[in-house]
Amino acid sequence: MNSKKRLHIHMSVDSIEQSIPFYSTQFGAEPTKVKDDYAQWLVDDLSLNFAISTRGEKKGINHLGVQYESDEALEKAQKDFEAKGIKGQEDKGATCCYMASNKYWVNDPTGIIWENYHSMEDIEVFGMATKDAADACCVPTNATFSATPTDETACCEEPSDGTKCCN
């Protein structure tokens, strides 16, 4: 008897044609099945990291992601996205979800947030929302995940005291 199980996630998207290149890059594999209104990837080399929390403004999917085993693997994934014209947001040294991590955030063509990350160590705090941060500098928000900033000040909200961040 085969005891292997596979997590199934089915998402509705705006365009199959626009989504296939994104997800082929995200999973590092071409689809195993493609129809006019459907594509499927059977990805054998991903194991599951499933998390729930009471955080976030809306209930339901907060974001999806791929956890990498090293910063080198994460950097390769980032380069693969960028080579395909998929711009994202780098988030080095993030403190989130009780972990210290390096991240590369991207949006799929429908706007669903994907967190690509490598975690370095456990920490004792969940993280901090932008509105709660003392300097609010460079804390990622959903609105900034869709494109690489054109200048360094575009990546963050300016602190309320008027000082600049993201030198």
C-alpha atoms as a PDB file:
ATOM      1  CA  MET A   1       0.000   0.000   0.000  1.00  0.00           C
ATOM      2  CA  ASN A   2       1.323   3.445  -0.919  1.00  0.00           C
ATOM      3  CA  SER A   3       1.196   5.811   2.076  1.00  0.00           C
ATOM      4  CA  LYS A   4       2.409   8.918   0.234  1.00  0.00           C
ATOM      5  CA  LYS A   5       0.043  11.866   0.450  1.00  0.00           C
ATOM      6  CA  ARG A   6       0.135  15.084  -1.543  1.00  0.00           C
ATOM      7  CA  LEU A   7      -1.316  18.456  -0.550  1.00  0.00           C
ATOM      8  CA  HIS A   8      -3.755  19.704  -3.191  1.00  0.00           C
ATOM      9  CA  ILE A   9      -4.268  23.427  -3.726  1.00  0.00           C
ATOM     10  CA  HIS A  10      -6.613  24.560  -6.492  1.00  0.00           C
ATOM     11  CA  MET A  11      -6.695  28.269  -7.212  1.00  0.00           C
ATOM     12  CA  SER A  12      -8.805  30.161  -9.698  1.00  0.00           C
ATOM     13  CA  VAL A  13      -6.728  32.481 -11.885  1.00  0.00           C
ATOM     14  CA  ASP A  14      -7.487  35.181 -14.427  1.00  0.00           C
ATOM     15  CA  SER A  15      -5.413  33.680 -17.259  1.00  0.00           C
ATOM     16  CA  ILE A  16      -4.018  30.177 -17.792  1.00  0.00           C
ATOM     17  CA  GLU A  17      -1.563  31.523 -20.392  1.00  0.00           C
ATOM     18  CA  GLN A  18      -0.153  34.185 -18.039  1.00  0.00           C
ATOM     19  CA  SER A  19      -0.115  31.890 -15.016  1.00  0.00           C
ATOM     20  CA  ILE A  20       1.737  28.898 -16.518  1.00  0.00           C
ATOM     21  CA  PRO A  21       5.106  30.721 -16.809  1.00  0.00           C
ATOM     22  CA  PHE A  22       4.786  32.053 -13.244  1.00  0.00           C
ATOM     23  CA  TYR A  23       3.968  28.688 -11.680  1.00  0.00           C
ATOM     24  CA  SER A  24       6.500  26.823 -13.824  1.00  0.00           C
ATOM     25  CA  THR A  25       9.113  29.180 -12.376  1.00  0.00           C
ATOM     26  CA  GLN A  26       7.684  28.983  -8.843  1.00  0.00           C
ATOM     27  CA  PHE A  27       7.797  25.165  -8.823  1.00  0.00           C
ATOM     28  CA  GLY A  28      10.855  24.721 -11.052  1.00  0.00           C
ATOM     29  CA  ALA A  29       8.880  22.395 -13.323  1.00  0.00           C
ATOM     30  CA  GLU A  30       6.591  22.494 -16.315  1.00  0.00           C
ATOM     31  CA  PRO A  31       2.934  21.505 -15.851  1.00  0.00           C
ATOM     32  CA  THR A  32       2.099  17.818 -16.018  1.00  0.00           C
ATOM     33  CA  LYS A  33      -1.254  18.576 -17.641  1.00  0.00           C
ATOM     34  CA  VAL A  34      -2.433  21.592 -19.653  1.00  0.00           C
ATOM     35  CA  LYS A  35      -5.914  22.260 -21.048  1.00  0.00           C
ATOM     36  CA  ASP A  36      -7.471  25.476 -22.343  1.00  0.00           C
ATOM     37  CA  ASP A  37      -8.905  26.230 -18.902  1.00  0.00           C
ATOM     38  CA  TYR A  38      -6.688  24.166 -16.600  1.00  0.00           C
ATOM     39  CA  ALA A  39      -3.076  23.405 -15.725  1.00  0.00           C
ATOM     40  CA  GLN A  40      -1.709  21.002 -13.130  1.00  0.00           C
ATOM     41  CA  TRP A  41       1.707  20.490 -11.570  1.00  0.00           C
ATOM     42  CA  LEU A  42       2.537  17.312  -9.672  1.00  0.00           C
ATOM     43  CA  VAL A  43       5.551  18.492  -7.718  1.00  0.00           C
ATOM     44  CA  ASP A  44       7.308  15.633  -5.969  1.00  0.00           C
ATOM     45  CA  ASP A  45      10.155  17.575  -4.379  1.00  0.00           C
ATOM     46  CA  LEU A  46       8.034  19.875  -2.206  1.00  0.00           C
ATOM     47  CA  SER A  47       7.143  18.796   1.290  1.00  0.00           C
ATOM     48  CA  LEU A  48       4.546  20.686   3.280  1.00  0.00           C
ATOM     49  CA  ASN A  49       4.974  23.574   5.705  1.00  0.00           C
ATOM     50  CA  PHE A  50       1.375  24.441   6.622  1.00  0.00           C
ATOM     51  CA  ALA A  51       0.705  27.260   9.090  1.00  0.00           C
ATOM     52  CA  ILE A  52      -2.368  28.931  10.516  1.00  0.00           C
ATOM     53  CA  SER A  53      -2.644  32.051  12.643  1.00  0.00           C
ATOM     54  CA  THR A  54      -5.178  34.526  13.939  1.00  0.00           C
ATOM     55  CA  ARG A  55      -3.170  37.339  12.311  1.00  0.00           C
ATOM     56  CA  GLY A  56      -4.016  39.137   9.103  1.00  0.00           C
ATOM     57  CA  GLU A  57      -6.860  41.375   8.130  1.00  0.00           C
ATOM     58  CA  LYS A  58      -8.825  38.848   6.066  1.00  0.00           C
ATOM     59  CA  LYS A  59      -9.602  35.215   6.812  1.00  0.00           C
ATOM     60  CA  GLY A  60      -8.679  32.585   4.239  1.00  0.00           C
ATOM     61  CA  ILE A  61      -5.429  32.325   2.297  1.00  0.00           C
ATOM     62  CA  ASN A  62      -2.939  34.844   3.693  1.00  0.00           C
ATOM     63  CA  HIS A  63      -0.160  33.885   1.286  1.00  0.00           C
ATOM     64  CA  LEU A  64       1.470  30.824  -0.211  1.00  0.00           C
ATOM     65  CA  GLY A  65       5.144  30.068  -0.302  1.00  0.00           C
ATOM     66  CA  VAL A  66       8.141  27.862  -0.891  1.00  0.00           C
ATOM     67  CA  GLN A  67      10.694  27.341   1.874  1.00  0.00           C
ATOM     68  CA  TYR A  68      14.268  26.790   0.651  1.00  0.00           C
ATOM     69  CA  GLU A  69      17.019  24.898   2.475  1.00  0.00           C
ATOM     70  CA  SER A  70      19.695  27.576   1.935  1.00  0.00           C
ATOM     71  CA  ASP A  71      20.226  31.212   1.010  1.00  0.00           C
ATOM     72  CA  GLU A  72      21.972  29.995  -2.158  1.00  0.00           C
ATOM     73  CA  ALA A  73      18.840  28.099  -3.266  1.00  0.00           C
ATOM     74  CA  LEU A  74      16.680  31.150  -2.461  1.00  0.00           C
ATOM     75  CA  GLU A  75      19.022  33.408  -4.452  1.00  0.00           C
ATOM     76  CA  LYS A  76      18.840  31.018  -7.423  1.00  0.00           C
ATOM     77  CA  ALA A  77      15.025  31.112  -7.267  1.00  0.00           C
ATOM     78  CA  GLN A  78      15.108  34.926  -7.154  1.00  0.00           C
ATOM     79  CA  LYS A  79      17.389  35.007 -10.213  1.00  0.00           C
ATOM     80  CA  ASP A  80      15.070  32.568 -12.016  1.00  0.00           C
ATOM     81  CA  PHE A  81      12.062  34.826 -11.343  1.00  0.00           C
ATOM     82  CA  GLU A  82      13.910  37.940 -12.438  1.00  0.00           C
ATOM     83  CA  ALA A  83      15.211  36.214 -15.599  1.00  0.00           C
ATOM     84  CA  LYS A  84      11.579  35.497 -16.518  1.00  0.00           C
ATOM     85  CA  GLY A  85      10.626  39.156 -15.898  1.00  0.00           C
ATOM     86  CA  ILE A  86       8.808  38.356 -12.649  1.00  0.00           C
ATOM     87  CA  LYS A  87       9.725  41.203 -10.318  1.00  0.00           C
ATOM     88  CA  GLY A  88       9.481  40.797  -6.577  1.00  0.00           C
ATOM     89  CA  GLN A  89      10.577  42.274  -3.289  1.00  0.00           C
ATOM     90  CA  GLU A  90      13.666  41.144  -1.428  1.00  0.00           C
ATOM     91  CA  ASP A  91      13.264  41.042   2.352  1.00  0.00           C
ATOM     92  CA  LYS A  92      16.578  40.111   3.996  1.00  0.00           C
ATOM     93  CA  GLY A  93      16.699  39.587   7.750  1.00  0.00           C
ATOM     94  CA  ALA A  94      12.920  39.454   8.164  1.00  0.00           C
ATOM     95  CA  THR A  95      11.496  38.622  11.572  1.00  0.00           C
ATOM     96  CA  CYS A  96       8.167  36.964  10.986  1.00  0.00           C
ATOM     97  CA  CYS A  97       6.224  33.913  12.108  1.00  0.00           C
ATOM     98  CA  TYR A  98       8.613  33.283  15.006  1.00  0.00           C
ATOM     99  CA  MET A  99      11.549  32.908  12.567  1.00  0.00           C
ATOM    100  CA  ALA A 100      14.453  35.004  11.287  1.00  0.00           C
ATOM    101  CA  SER A 101      14.446  34.578   7.496  1.00  0.00           C
ATOM    102  CA  ASN A 102      15.599  35.935   4.178  1.00  0.00           C
ATOM    103  CA  LYS A 103      12.706  36.274   1.724  1.00  0.00           C
ATOM    104  CA  TYR A 104      11.801  37.084  -1.847  1.00  0.00           C
ATOM    105  CA  TRP A 105       8.121  37.991  -2.267  1.00  0.00           C
ATOM    106  CA  VAL A 106       6.341  37.756  -5.623  1.00  0.00           C
ATOM    107  CA  ASN A 107       2.758  38.031  -6.831  1.00  0.00           C
ATOM    108  CA  ASP A 108       1.307  35.612  -9.343  1.00  0.00           C
ATOM    109  CA  PRO A 109      -0.482  37.148 -12.354  1.00  0.00           C
ATOM    110  CA  THR A 110      -3.771  37.103 -10.385  1.00  0.00           C
ATOM    111  CA  GLY A 111      -2.211  38.968  -7.442  1.00  0.00           C
ATOM    112  CA  ILE A 112      -1.800  36.071  -5.006  1.00  0.00           C
ATOM    113  CA  ILE A 113       1.223  36.630  -2.759  1.00  0.00           C
ATOM    114  CA  TRP A 114       4.004  34.011  -2.749  1.00  0.00           C
ATOM    115  CA  GLU A 115       6.720  34.061  -0.090  1.00  0.00           C
ATOM    116  CA  ASN A 116       9.962  32.372  -1.152  1.00  0.00           C
ATOM    117  CA  TYR A 117      12.200  32.127   1.881  1.00  0.00           C
ATOM    118  CA  HIS A 118      15.056  30.563   3.822  1.00  0.00           C
ATOM    119  CA  SER A 119      14.729  30.546   7.611  1.00  0.00           C
ATOM    120  CA  MET A 120      17.876  30.842   9.700  1.00  0.00           C
ATOM    121  CA  GLU A 121      16.690  30.509  13.280  1.00  0.00           C
ATOM    122  CA  ASP A 122      13.713  30.418  15.634  1.00  0.00           C
ATOM    123  CA  ILE A 123      12.905  33.633  17.467  1.00  0.00           C
ATOM    124  CA  GLU A 124      10.458  34.369  20.285  1.00  0.00           C
ATOM    125  CA  VAL A 125       8.268  36.976  18.557  1.00  0.00           C
ATOM    126  CA  PHE A 126       5.834  36.611  15.659  1.00  0.00           C
ATOM    127  CA  GLY A 127       6.961  39.852  14.020  1.00  0.00           C
ATOM    128  CA  MET A 128       5.504  43.296  13.808  1.00  0.00           C
ATOM    129  CA  ALA A 129       2.850  44.900  11.651  1.00  0.00           C
ATOM    130  CA  THR A 130       3.905  48.087   9.872  1.00  0.00           C
ATOM    131  CA  LYS A 131       1.509  50.170  11.952  1.00  0.00           C
ATOM    132  CA  ASP A 132       3.083  48.800  15.156  1.00  0.00           C
ATOM    133  CA  ALA A 133       6.741  49.199  14.184  1.00  0.00           C
ATOM    134  CA  ALA A 134       8.627  51.980  15.950  1.00  0.00           C
ATOM    135  CA  ASP A 135      10.184  53.252  12.719  1.00  0.00           C
ATOM    136  CA  ALA A 136       7.903  51.457  10.202  1.00  0.00           C
ATOM    137  CA  CYS A 137      10.890  51.243   7.883  1.00  0.00           C
ATOM    138  CA  CYS A 138      10.915  48.668   5.129  1.00  0.00           C
ATOM    139  CA  VAL A 139       8.297  46.421   6.675  1.00  0.00           C
ATOM    140  CA  PRO A 140       6.761  44.640   3.664  1.00  0.00           C
ATOM    141  CA  THR A 141       3.117  45.241   2.913  1.00  0.00           C
ATOM    142  CA  ASN A 142       0.941  43.486   0.365  1.00  0.00           C
ATOM    143  CA  ALA A 143       0.871  46.598  -1.798  1.00  0.00           C
ATOM    144  CA  THR A 144       4.641  46.477  -2.333  1.00  0.00           C
ATOM    145  CA  PHE A 145       5.010  42.802  -3.247  1.00  0.00           C
ATOM    146  CA  SER A 146       4.082  43.223  -6.913  1.00  0.00           C
ATOM    147  CA  ALA A 147       7.168  44.991  -8.265  1.00  0.00           C
ATOM    148  CA  THR A 148      10.785  45.619  -7.488  1.00  0.00           C
ATOM    149  CA  PRO A 149      11.084  49.237  -6.335  1.00  0.00           C
ATOM    150  CA  THR A 150      12.526  51.601  -8.917  1.00  0.00           C
ATOM    151  CA  ASP A 151      14.367  53.470  -6.190  1.00  0.00           C
ATOM    152  CA  GLU A 152      15.252  52.611  -2.635  1.00  0.00           C
ATOM    153  CA  THR A 153      12.583  54.807  -1.053  1.00  0.00           C
ATOM    154  CA  ALA A 154       9.770  53.002  -2.863  1.00  0.00           C
ATOM    155  CA  CYS A 155      10.114  49.900  -0.687  1.00  0.00           C
ATOM    156  CA  CYS A 156       8.742  51.267   2.499  1.00  0.00           C
ATOM    157  CA  GLU A 157       6.332  53.581   4.171  1.00  0.00           C
ATOM    158  CA  GLU A 158       7.949  56.718   5.490  1.00  0.00           C
ATOM    159  CA  PRO A 159       8.090  56.970   9.294  1.00  0.00           C
ATOM    160  CA  SER A 160       5.584  59.385  10.823  1.00  0.00           C
ATOM    161  CA  ASP A 161       8.393  61.705  11.966  1.00  0.00           C
ATOM    162  CA  GLY A 162       9.183  62.540   8.301  1.00  0.00           C
ATOM    163  CA  THR A 163      12.632  60.927   8.213  1.00  0.00           C
ATOM    164  CA  LYS A 164      13.657  58.834   5.234  1.00  0.00           C
ATOM    165  CA  CYS A 165      14.293  55.120   5.299  1.00  0.00           C
ATOM    166  CA  CYS A 166      15.749  52.552   2.879  1.00  0.00           C
ATOM    167  CA  ASN A 167      18.854  54.667   2.204  1.00  0.00           C
END
